[in-house]
Amino acid sequence: MRNLFVPTLIALAAFLSYNNNFFLVTADKLFVEHGLYSEQLVLDGILHGLDDNSNLRLGRYSRPEINDRYVLAHQLYVDKNKDGEFFYYKSQFGLQLYLFNFLSKFSHLDIGFLQSFSALMMSLIVALFFVAISREFSLSHAVFFCVPLILSPWIVIFAKNLYWVEATWFLPTVITFFFGKSSLSSVNGALRMGGMLFVAFLIKLLCGYEYLTTIALSACVPLVTYTVKYRVGVKRGLLQPIICGISLFLAFLIAVSLHARVLSTGSDTPFNDIVLIAKKRLATQHADSLEFALKEACKNEDNPEECQDLVKQSLISNPYLVTAKYFVMPHFIPWVDYATWNSSDKDAIKMLVNDKLTLESIQSAISRTSFQGALFLVCYTASILGFILFNIYVFRVAYKRMDSLSAGLLLSFLAPLSWFFLAKGHSYIHYTLNYVLWYLLYVPFGMLLIVDEIDFARSSFRFFPQLIPYISRFQEDKNRNYDRV
């Protein structure tokens, strides 16, 4: 029971943060409304299943007479509003819909219950991280690792979302943290870990292909850390990532096959449809060849032409510039989202940017900016600078140490970059979403490195006084030798 007490507290703190914004790390508006556009795919899918439960599909009702239908997603679900045509969402299999449709039967379609279940799953993931890291390192290491997962506004606003099912992103990494070290000692252990990774990857892929490269590389972070820490041979060290890659490949094949089977009910070329969906997200310059796919994807938007133009622009965008923008990170610091700015504040800043930077233009911008607007700019700047300083510090420490945690940090840093760059189409459009990838697993692992460096410094400081007598004795002997000369 003692061993479960602290992990239970961690899980409880995480659940309160994810389900209720208990620690107020983000503004209530952002906490409630973020991700409604995606979550409506599940909610409308459940409503559609009330009429045809044998054909569960993610999608949305058009509701042509209702404005702001995405913001009203919860109310429309409660009212069982099914006006207009139901448009299928074809970009994934939709396993989460099957889960929440099943749970809705026991909760009388209650959204709060479904979101609490999603928040609970993510809370258990954090608790499992705590257990795994406290076993391998220490209690303080585990706490520092879990704190950004509990208090980050980015993690909090995703955790209870019914579409994203955030827990599935971290599940493969939890498995490698627990079983990565034991898999170093035997092939059977590595194969056992590979089997569990296959199941975890398959669950994630059936809930969506988003962030696949980041999730896969994050799962390898503990493997690389253990390999370097315990100085495993090259052959045994390479076996683990190979097994991880094979598990991912097999899971991907099955997920695509099931996805194609679902699409085959309304399409003669389901695999070709999946390829087109992938091309919209990946780095390709051939935007014109996707004309039909773009029209299909944007036909249910309020402004289809604007949607198509945005997607086309994402495909011809520079992947380096897209990636660079993700280093300018808002919401890195919790509790700063409460500062807001109005339209006049925005106009003042735009004028300052567009005009020549003079003393008069600066004074004019300051005079037109409200106190809330100024506070917003300060908080926004602090968040961006905080992330930049975090990057500088952790890489400075990693470069100085050159140990197992440094290797793990480097891979965790490359994990989000892989999606920003390779899936530049998705990354270009979804700047309001994809910053969360820094927490998969770079920011928590950076905190792990920081606390390990602090512990090392403390232990060195405690050990230093014990060296003083030996240093004094060495100096006396040295002086005695000089006297003899």
Protein backbone atom coordinates (compact mmCIF):
# COMPACT_ATOMS: atom_id res chain seq x y z
CA MET A 1 0.00 0.00 0.00
CA ARG A 2 2.88 2.37 0.80
CA ASN A 3 4.30 1.97 -2.67
CA LEU A 4 0.95 2.98 -4.19
CA PHE A 5 0.34 6.06 -2.06
CA VAL A 6 2.47 8.59 -3.97
CA PRO A 7 1.54 7.30 -7.45
CA THR A 8 -2.11 7.53 -6.42
CA LEU A 9 -1.60 11.16 -5.38
CA ILE A 10 0.09 11.83 -8.73
CA ALA A 11 -2.82 10.22 -10.59
CA LEU A 12 -5.33 12.22 -8.53
CA ALA A 13 -3.52 15.51 -9.16
CA ALA A 14 -3.34 14.73 -12.87
CA PHE A 15 -7.03 13.80 -13.04
CA LEU A 16 -8.12 16.99 -11.27
CA SER A 17 -5.98 19.03 -13.61
CA TYR A 18 -7.21 17.28 -16.76
CA ASN A 19 -10.87 16.96 -15.86
CA ASN A 20 -11.49 20.16 -13.92
CA ASN A 21 -8.55 22.49 -14.62
CA PHE A 22 -8.15 22.31 -10.84
CA PHE A 23 -4.81 24.13 -10.78
CA LEU A 24 -6.11 26.83 -13.17
CA VAL A 25 -3.11 26.39 -15.48
CA THR A 26 -5.10 27.70 -18.44
CA ALA A 27 -8.06 29.99 -19.02
CA ASP A 28 -11.50 28.42 -18.71
CA LYS A 29 -12.42 29.42 -22.27
CA LEU A 30 -9.41 27.64 -23.71
CA PHE A 31 -9.95 24.65 -21.43
CA VAL A 32 -13.56 24.21 -22.57
CA GLU A 33 -13.45 25.24 -26.22
CA HIS A 34 -10.08 23.96 -27.42
CA GLY A 35 -10.46 20.89 -29.60
CA LEU A 36 -14.25 21.11 -29.97
CA TYR A 37 -13.85 21.07 -33.74
CA SER A 38 -12.22 17.62 -33.52
CA GLU A 39 -14.32 16.34 -30.65
CA GLN A 40 -17.49 16.96 -32.62
CA LEU A 41 -16.45 14.13 -34.95
CA VAL A 42 -16.95 11.69 -32.07
CA LEU A 43 -20.06 13.32 -30.64
CA ASP A 44 -21.85 13.47 -33.98
CA GLY A 45 -20.65 9.93 -34.69
CA ILE A 46 -22.41 8.77 -31.52
CA LEU A 47 -25.59 10.60 -32.54
CA HIS A 48 -25.42 9.04 -36.00
CA GLY A 49 -25.03 5.65 -34.36
CA LEU A 50 -28.37 6.08 -32.60
CA ASP A 51 -30.02 5.60 -35.99
CA ASP A 52 -27.59 3.05 -37.41
CA ASN A 53 -25.49 1.44 -34.68
CA SER A 54 -24.16 -1.16 -37.13
CA ASN A 55 -22.37 1.55 -39.14
CA LEU A 56 -20.42 3.63 -36.64
CA ARG A 57 -18.41 6.32 -38.39
CA LEU A 58 -16.68 9.50 -37.34
CA GLY A 59 -18.23 12.55 -38.96
CA ARG A 60 -20.28 15.73 -38.64
CA TYR A 61 -23.81 16.87 -39.37
CA SER A 62 -23.84 19.90 -41.66
CA ARG A 63 -26.50 21.83 -39.69
CA PRO A 64 -26.65 24.56 -42.37
CA GLU A 65 -28.89 26.89 -40.37
CA ILE A 66 -26.67 27.01 -37.29
CA ASN A 67 -23.72 29.38 -36.93
CA ASP A 68 -20.75 28.54 -34.70
CA ARG A 69 -21.76 24.89 -34.76
CA TYR A 70 -18.31 23.82 -33.61
CA VAL A 71 -18.40 26.02 -30.51
CA LEU A 72 -21.88 24.65 -29.79
CA ALA A 73 -20.75 21.03 -30.26
CA HIS A 74 -21.65 19.96 -26.71
CA GLN A 75 -25.04 21.65 -26.68
CA LEU A 76 -25.93 20.20 -30.09
CA TYR A 77 -25.00 16.77 -28.80
CA VAL A 78 -27.13 17.17 -25.67
CA ASP A 79 -30.05 18.33 -27.82
CA LYS A 80 -29.46 15.37 -30.17
CA ASN A 81 -29.46 17.80 -33.05
CA LYS A 82 -28.96 15.90 -36.33
CA ASP A 83 -29.96 18.56 -38.84
CA GLY A 84 -28.59 18.41 -42.35
CA GLU A 85 -26.41 15.81 -44.01
CA PHE A 86 -23.95 13.59 -42.14
CA PHE A 87 -20.48 13.85 -43.67
CA TYR A 88 -18.18 10.92 -42.96
CA TYR A 89 -14.66 11.64 -41.70
CA LYS A 90 -12.44 9.40 -43.79
CA SER A 91 -8.99 10.10 -42.36
CA GLN A 92 -8.90 7.21 -39.88
CA PHE A 93 -10.59 4.05 -38.64
CA GLY A 94 -12.12 5.74 -35.56
CA LEU A 95 -11.52 3.29 -32.70
CA GLN A 96 -12.25 6.01 -30.14
CA LEU A 97 -15.80 6.26 -31.48
CA TYR A 98 -16.41 2.58 -30.72
CA LEU A 99 -15.08 3.06 -27.19
CA PHE A 100 -17.07 6.16 -26.32
CA ASN A 101 -20.20 4.94 -28.09
CA PHE A 102 -20.05 1.85 -25.86
CA LEU A 103 -19.52 3.94 -22.71
CA SER A 104 -22.31 6.36 -23.66
CA LYS A 105 -24.86 3.56 -23.26
CA PHE A 106 -24.00 3.37 -19.56
CA SER A 107 -23.98 7.13 -19.00
CA HIS A 108 -27.13 8.18 -20.87
CA LEU A 109 -24.99 10.02 -23.45
CA ASP A 110 -23.41 12.18 -20.73
CA ILE A 111 -20.42 14.10 -22.16
CA GLY A 112 -18.92 14.75 -18.72
CA PHE A 113 -18.66 11.03 -18.02
CA LEU A 114 -16.98 10.34 -21.37
CA GLN A 115 -14.49 13.18 -20.93
CA SER A 116 -13.74 12.06 -17.37
CA PHE A 117 -12.93 8.60 -18.67
CA SER A 118 -10.50 10.06 -21.20
CA ALA A 119 -8.92 12.24 -18.49
CA LEU A 120 -8.65 9.21 -16.21
CA MET A 121 -6.75 7.24 -18.85
CA MET A 122 -4.20 10.04 -19.23
CA SER A 123 -3.93 10.35 -15.43
CA LEU A 124 -3.05 6.66 -15.17
CA ILE A 125 -0.40 7.13 -17.85
CA VAL A 126 1.24 9.87 -15.76
CA ALA A 127 1.10 7.65 -12.66
CA LEU A 128 2.77 4.83 -14.58
CA PHE A 129 5.51 7.22 -15.70
CA PHE A 130 6.03 8.14 -12.05
CA VAL A 131 6.40 4.49 -11.00
CA ALA A 132 8.78 3.60 -13.84
CA ILE A 133 11.06 6.62 -13.36
CA SER A 134 11.13 6.44 -9.56
CA ARG A 135 12.32 2.82 -9.86
CA GLU A 136 15.07 3.65 -12.32
CA PHE A 137 16.16 6.99 -10.84
CA SER A 138 14.60 8.50 -7.71
CA LEU A 139 11.43 10.04 -6.31
CA SER A 140 12.60 13.57 -7.14
CA HIS A 141 13.35 12.55 -10.72
CA ALA A 142 9.86 11.10 -11.10
CA VAL A 143 8.21 14.21 -9.65
CA PHE A 144 10.11 16.58 -11.94
CA PHE A 145 9.26 14.41 -14.95
CA CYS A 146 5.54 14.38 -14.14
CA VAL A 147 5.10 18.04 -13.14
CA PRO A 148 5.11 19.41 -16.72
CA LEU A 149 2.67 16.68 -17.75
CA ILE A 150 0.28 17.73 -14.98
CA LEU A 151 0.66 21.51 -15.20
CA SER A 152 1.29 22.15 -18.88
CA PRO A 153 -1.62 24.02 -20.52
CA TRP A 154 -0.96 22.05 -23.72
CA ILE A 155 -1.33 18.66 -22.05
CA VAL A 156 -4.33 19.77 -19.98
CA ILE A 157 -6.42 21.03 -22.91
CA PHE A 158 -5.92 17.77 -24.82
CA ALA A 159 -6.26 15.24 -22.00
CA LYS A 160 -10.05 14.85 -21.86
CA ASN A 161 -10.73 15.37 -25.56
CA LEU A 162 -12.73 12.47 -26.98
CA TYR A 163 -11.14 12.62 -30.42
CA TRP A 164 -7.46 12.89 -29.53
CA VAL A 165 -7.44 10.31 -26.68
CA GLU A 166 -4.12 11.70 -25.50
CA ALA A 167 -3.28 8.64 -23.40
CA THR A 168 -2.68 6.61 -26.58
CA TRP A 169 0.19 8.95 -27.53
CA PHE A 170 2.20 8.07 -24.41
CA LEU A 171 1.32 4.39 -24.02
CA PRO A 172 4.22 3.04 -26.17
CA THR A 173 6.73 5.11 -24.18
CA VAL A 174 5.32 3.82 -20.88
CA ILE A 175 5.88 0.27 -22.14
CA THR A 176 9.52 0.93 -23.09
CA PHE A 177 10.19 2.65 -19.75
CA PHE A 178 8.94 -0.43 -17.89
CA PHE A 179 10.29 -3.21 -20.08
CA GLY A 180 13.15 -1.62 -22.00
CA LYS A 181 15.81 -2.50 -19.43
CA SER A 182 14.72 -6.12 -19.01
CA SER A 183 14.66 -6.54 -22.79
CA LEU A 184 18.40 -5.83 -22.84
CA SER A 185 19.17 -9.07 -21.03
CA SER A 186 17.24 -11.54 -23.18
CA VAL A 187 15.79 -11.91 -26.64
CA ASN A 188 12.54 -13.24 -25.14
CA GLY A 189 12.23 -10.07 -23.08
CA ALA A 190 12.74 -7.95 -26.19
CA LEU A 191 10.12 -9.95 -28.10
CA ARG A 192 7.68 -9.62 -25.19
CA MET A 193 8.17 -5.87 -25.24
CA GLY A 194 7.71 -5.89 -29.01
CA GLY A 195 4.35 -7.64 -28.64
CA MET A 196 3.12 -5.03 -26.18
CA LEU A 197 4.37 -2.23 -28.42
CA PHE A 198 2.49 -3.76 -31.34
CA VAL A 199 -0.77 -3.56 -29.38
CA ALA A 200 -0.05 0.00 -28.20
CA PHE A 201 0.84 1.23 -31.69
CA LEU A 202 -2.21 -0.46 -33.17
CA ILE A 203 -4.53 1.22 -30.66
CA LYS A 204 -3.00 4.61 -31.47
CA LEU A 205 -3.15 4.11 -35.24
CA LEU A 206 -6.78 3.02 -35.10
CA CYS A 207 -7.48 6.27 -33.25
CA GLY A 208 -5.66 8.30 -35.92
CA TYR A 209 -2.34 8.53 -37.75
CA GLU A 210 -1.51 11.95 -36.32
CA TYR A 211 1.91 12.38 -34.70
CA LEU A 212 3.03 8.87 -35.66
CA THR A 213 6.72 9.71 -36.15
CA THR A 214 6.89 11.59 -32.85
CA ILE A 215 5.21 8.76 -30.94
CA ALA A 216 7.50 6.15 -32.48
CA LEU A 217 10.71 8.07 -31.73
CA SER A 218 9.52 8.89 -28.20
CA ALA A 219 9.02 5.19 -27.56
CA CYS A 220 12.71 4.70 -28.40
CA VAL A 221 13.90 7.35 -25.91
CA PRO A 222 13.97 4.97 -22.89
CA LEU A 223 15.59 2.28 -25.06
CA VAL A 224 18.45 4.58 -26.07
CA THR A 225 18.82 5.80 -22.48
CA TYR A 226 19.08 2.26 -21.09
CA THR A 227 21.45 1.16 -23.87
CA VAL A 228 23.92 3.96 -23.16
CA LYS A 229 23.54 3.79 -19.37
CA TYR A 230 24.27 0.08 -19.11
CA ARG A 231 26.83 0.09 -21.93
CA VAL A 232 25.12 -2.58 -23.96
CA GLY A 233 26.86 -3.90 -27.06
CA VAL A 234 26.00 -2.55 -30.47
CA LYS A 235 24.15 -5.67 -31.62
CA ARG A 236 21.98 -5.91 -28.52
CA GLY A 237 21.48 -2.14 -28.50
CA LEU A 238 20.22 -2.15 -32.09
CA LEU A 239 17.88 -5.09 -31.46
CA GLN A 240 15.45 -3.01 -29.41
CA PRO A 241 14.84 -0.20 -31.94
CA ILE A 242 14.55 -2.83 -34.70
CA ILE A 243 11.87 -4.70 -32.76
CA CYS A 244 10.14 -1.39 -32.04
CA GLY A 245 10.20 -0.57 -35.75
CA ILE A 246 8.85 -3.98 -36.75
CA SER A 247 6.03 -3.66 -34.20
CA LEU A 248 5.14 -0.25 -35.63
CA PHE A 249 5.25 -1.52 -39.21
CA LEU A 250 2.97 -4.50 -38.51
CA ALA A 251 0.55 -2.31 -36.54
CA PHE A 252 0.50 0.19 -39.39
CA LEU A 253 -0.32 -2.51 -41.96
CA ILE A 254 -3.22 -3.83 -39.91
CA ALA A 255 -4.53 -0.33 -39.14
CA VAL A 256 -4.46 0.64 -42.82
CA SER A 257 -6.19 -2.62 -43.78
CA LEU A 258 -8.99 -2.05 -41.27
CA HIS A 259 -9.25 1.59 -42.35
CA ALA A 260 -9.53 0.55 -45.99
CA ARG A 261 -12.21 -1.98 -45.11
CA VAL A 262 -14.30 0.78 -43.54
CA LEU A 263 -13.79 3.05 -46.55
CA SER A 264 -14.69 0.26 -48.98
CA THR A 265 -18.41 0.63 -48.13
CA GLY A 266 -18.51 3.96 -49.96
CA SER A 267 -15.48 3.85 -52.25
CA ASP A 268 -14.15 1.57 -54.98
CA THR A 269 -10.54 2.58 -54.28
CA PRO A 270 -10.14 2.71 -50.47
CA PHE A 271 -6.35 2.35 -50.45
CA ASN A 272 -6.01 5.17 -52.96
CA ASP A 273 -8.17 7.33 -50.68
CA ILE A 274 -5.80 6.63 -47.79
CA VAL A 275 -2.82 7.61 -49.93
CA LEU A 276 -4.50 10.92 -50.82
CA ILE A 277 -5.19 11.57 -47.15
CA ALA A 278 -1.51 10.98 -46.36
CA LYS A 279 -0.38 13.29 -49.17
CA LYS A 280 -2.39 16.14 -47.68
CA ARG A 281 -0.30 15.90 -44.53
CA LEU A 282 3.12 15.00 -45.85
CA ALA A 283 5.71 17.20 -47.50
CA THR A 284 4.66 17.29 -51.16
CA GLN A 285 4.72 20.02 -53.76
CA HIS A 286 2.01 18.50 -55.96
CA ALA A 287 -0.98 20.41 -54.61
CA ASP A 288 -2.80 20.50 -57.96
CA SER A 289 -2.92 16.70 -58.16
CA LEU A 290 -4.97 16.65 -54.95
CA GLU A 291 -7.77 18.86 -56.27
CA PHE A 292 -10.50 16.27 -55.71
CA ALA A 293 -9.20 15.31 -52.26
CA LEU A 294 -9.08 18.97 -51.20
CA LYS A 295 -12.67 19.56 -52.30
CA GLU A 296 -13.78 16.43 -50.47
CA ALA A 297 -11.98 17.44 -47.27
CA CYS A 298 -13.31 21.02 -47.29
CA LYS A 299 -16.86 20.53 -48.52
CA ASN A 300 -18.34 20.71 -45.00
CA GLU A 301 -16.46 23.86 -44.01
CA ASP A 302 -18.12 27.26 -43.68
CA ASN A 303 -15.85 28.59 -46.41
CA PRO A 304 -14.72 25.65 -48.62
CA GLU A 305 -12.65 27.80 -50.99
CA GLU A 306 -10.71 29.37 -48.13
CA CYS A 307 -10.13 25.91 -46.68
CA GLN A 308 -8.77 24.60 -49.98
CA ASP A 309 -6.46 27.59 -50.37
CA LEU A 310 -5.10 27.00 -46.86
CA VAL A 311 -4.39 23.33 -47.55
CA LYS A 312 -2.71 24.17 -50.88
CA GLN A 313 -0.55 26.75 -49.14
CA SER A 314 0.44 24.19 -46.53
CA LEU A 315 1.66 21.81 -49.23
CA ILE A 316 3.95 24.33 -50.91
CA SER A 317 5.22 25.85 -47.65
CA ASN A 318 8.88 25.61 -46.66
CA PRO A 319 9.30 22.78 -44.12
CA TYR A 320 12.24 24.56 -42.45
CA LEU A 321 10.18 27.70 -41.86
CA VAL A 322 7.23 25.65 -40.62
CA THR A 323 9.50 23.85 -38.17
CA ALA A 324 11.21 27.05 -37.05
CA LYS A 325 7.89 28.59 -36.04
CA TYR A 326 7.36 25.85 -33.46
CA PHE A 327 10.31 27.19 -31.47
CA VAL A 328 8.22 30.30 -30.79
CA MET A 329 6.13 28.54 -28.20
CA PRO A 330 3.09 30.12 -26.52
CA HIS A 331 1.55 28.66 -23.35
CA PHE A 332 4.86 27.16 -22.21
CA ILE A 333 4.39 28.75 -18.79
CA PRO A 334 1.17 27.87 -16.95
CA TRP A 335 -1.19 30.48 -15.47
CA VAL A 336 -0.42 33.14 -18.08
CA ASP A 337 -3.39 32.43 -20.37
CA TYR A 338 -5.72 34.62 -18.36
CA ALA A 339 -4.25 37.77 -19.86
CA THR A 340 -6.13 38.69 -23.04
CA TRP A 341 -6.08 41.46 -25.62
CA ASN A 342 -8.81 43.09 -27.68
CA SER A 343 -9.03 44.20 -31.31
CA SER A 344 -7.65 47.69 -30.61
CA ASP A 345 -4.59 46.13 -28.95
CA LYS A 346 -4.04 43.97 -32.03
CA ASP A 347 -4.40 46.98 -34.33
CA ALA A 348 -1.84 48.92 -32.31
CA ILE A 349 0.70 46.11 -32.57
CA LYS A 350 0.05 45.65 -36.30
CA MET A 351 0.65 49.35 -36.91
CA LEU A 352 3.89 49.17 -34.95
CA VAL A 353 5.07 46.19 -37.02
CA ASN A 354 4.07 47.69 -40.36
CA ASP A 355 5.31 51.25 -39.73
CA LYS A 356 8.89 52.38 -39.33
CA LEU A 357 10.16 51.73 -35.82
CA THR A 358 10.50 55.23 -34.38
CA LEU A 359 10.05 56.74 -30.95
CA GLU A 360 6.76 58.29 -32.03
CA SER A 361 5.38 54.99 -33.39
CA ILE A 362 6.35 53.20 -30.19
CA GLN A 363 4.70 55.89 -28.04
CA SER A 364 1.57 55.73 -30.19
CA ALA A 365 1.37 51.94 -29.86
CA ILE A 366 1.84 52.12 -26.09
CA SER A 367 -0.87 54.79 -25.70
CA ARG A 368 -3.37 52.69 -27.71
CA THR A 369 -2.66 49.45 -25.86
CA SER A 370 -4.81 48.62 -22.83
CA PHE A 371 -3.41 47.30 -19.55
CA GLN A 372 -4.79 43.82 -20.33
CA GLY A 373 -3.19 43.99 -23.77
CA ALA A 374 0.17 45.00 -22.32
CA LEU A 375 -0.09 42.21 -19.74
CA PHE A 376 -0.88 39.75 -22.51
CA LEU A 377 2.22 40.79 -24.46
CA VAL A 378 4.39 40.44 -21.35
CA CYS A 379 3.02 36.96 -20.58
CA TYR A 380 3.26 35.86 -24.21
CA THR A 381 6.86 37.08 -24.43
CA ALA A 382 7.73 35.43 -21.11
CA SER A 383 6.40 32.11 -22.35
CA ILE A 384 8.43 32.30 -25.56
CA LEU A 385 11.60 33.34 -23.73
CA GLY A 386 11.01 30.65 -21.12
CA PHE A 387 11.02 27.92 -23.77
CA ILE A 388 14.13 29.37 -25.44
CA LEU A 389 15.99 29.49 -22.12
CA PHE A 390 14.82 25.97 -21.32
CA ASN A 391 16.29 24.73 -24.61
CA ILE A 392 19.59 26.52 -24.06
CA TYR A 393 19.99 25.22 -20.52
CA VAL A 394 19.13 21.56 -21.12
CA PHE A 395 21.37 21.34 -24.17
CA ARG A 396 24.19 23.05 -22.29
CA VAL A 397 23.85 20.46 -19.53
CA ALA A 398 23.55 17.61 -22.03
CA TYR A 399 26.66 18.73 -23.91
CA LYS A 400 28.62 18.97 -20.66
CA ARG A 401 27.55 15.52 -19.44
CA MET A 402 27.52 13.43 -22.63
CA ASP A 403 25.84 10.53 -20.82
CA SER A 404 22.74 8.33 -21.18
CA LEU A 405 20.32 11.13 -20.30
CA SER A 406 21.99 13.36 -22.88
CA ALA A 407 21.41 10.70 -25.54
CA GLY A 408 17.78 10.35 -24.49
CA LEU A 409 17.31 14.11 -24.54
CA LEU A 410 18.66 14.39 -28.09
CA LEU A 411 16.26 11.74 -29.38
CA SER A 412 13.33 13.27 -27.49
CA PHE A 413 14.19 16.61 -29.14
CA LEU A 414 14.22 15.04 -32.61
CA ALA A 415 10.85 13.33 -32.00
CA PRO A 416 8.59 16.42 -32.35
CA LEU A 417 10.83 17.86 -35.07
CA SER A 418 10.18 14.76 -37.18
CA TRP A 419 6.45 15.52 -37.37
CA PHE A 420 6.89 19.29 -37.80
CA PHE A 421 9.14 18.66 -40.80
CA LEU A 422 7.83 15.48 -42.44
CA ALA A 423 4.15 16.29 -41.93
CA LYS A 424 4.58 19.94 -42.77
CA GLY A 425 1.11 20.11 -44.34
CA HIS A 426 -0.49 19.13 -41.04
CA SER A 427 1.95 21.25 -39.03
CA TYR A 428 1.35 24.35 -41.17
CA ILE A 429 -2.41 24.25 -40.63
CA HIS A 430 -2.50 23.16 -36.99
CA TYR A 431 -0.33 25.64 -35.12
CA THR A 432 -3.03 25.72 -32.43
CA LEU A 433 -2.50 22.00 -31.83
CA ASN A 434 0.95 20.70 -32.59
CA TYR A 435 2.94 22.59 -29.96
CA VAL A 436 1.82 19.82 -27.62
CA LEU A 437 4.37 17.53 -29.29
CA TRP A 438 7.18 19.19 -27.34
CA TYR A 439 5.80 17.31 -24.34
CA LEU A 440 6.15 14.01 -26.16
CA LEU A 441 8.76 13.56 -24.61
CA TYR A 442 11.22 16.44 -24.83
CA VAL A 443 10.06 18.80 -22.04
CA PRO A 444 9.49 16.08 -19.38
CA PHE A 445 12.80 14.45 -20.27
CA GLY A 446 14.51 17.82 -20.11
CA MET A 447 13.16 18.25 -16.59
CA LEU A 448 14.51 14.78 -15.78
CA LEU A 449 17.96 15.89 -16.95
CA ILE A 450 17.75 19.12 -14.93
CA VAL A 451 16.90 17.41 -11.64
CA ASP A 452 19.62 14.82 -12.23
CA GLU A 453 22.11 17.63 -12.73
CA ILE A 454 20.90 19.31 -9.53
CA ASP A 455 21.26 16.06 -7.58
CA PHE A 456 24.75 15.55 -8.99
CA ALA A 457 25.75 19.08 -7.97
CA ARG A 458 24.39 18.55 -4.45
CA SER A 459 26.20 15.25 -4.02
CA SER A 460 29.43 16.85 -5.26
CA PHE A 461 28.97 19.71 -2.79
CA ARG A 462 28.43 17.26 0.09
CA PHE A 463 31.49 15.28 -0.94
CA PHE A 464 33.73 18.33 -1.28
CA PRO A 465 34.19 19.01 2.48
CA GLN A 466 35.43 15.43 2.88
CA LEU A 467 38.20 16.18 0.38
CA ILE A 468 39.50 19.23 2.26
CA PRO A 469 41.71 17.27 4.75
CA TYR A 470 43.28 15.31 1.89
CA ILE A 471 43.87 18.51 -0.10
CA SER A 472 45.47 20.17 2.96
CA ARG A 473 47.67 17.14 3.62
CA PHE A 474 48.76 17.09 -0.05
CA GLN A 475 49.63 20.78 0.13
CA GLU A 476 51.67 20.27 3.33
CA ASP A 477 53.64 17.41 1.75
CA LYS A 478 54.22 19.54 -1.33
CA ASN A 479 55.54 22.45 0.80
CA ARG A 480 57.75 20.06 2.77
CA ASN A 481 59.33 18.83 -0.45
CA TYR A 482 59.99 22.41 -1.56
CA ASP A 483 61.70 23.10 1.81
CA ARG A 484 63.99 20.13 1.23
CA VAL A 485 65.02 21.49 -2.13
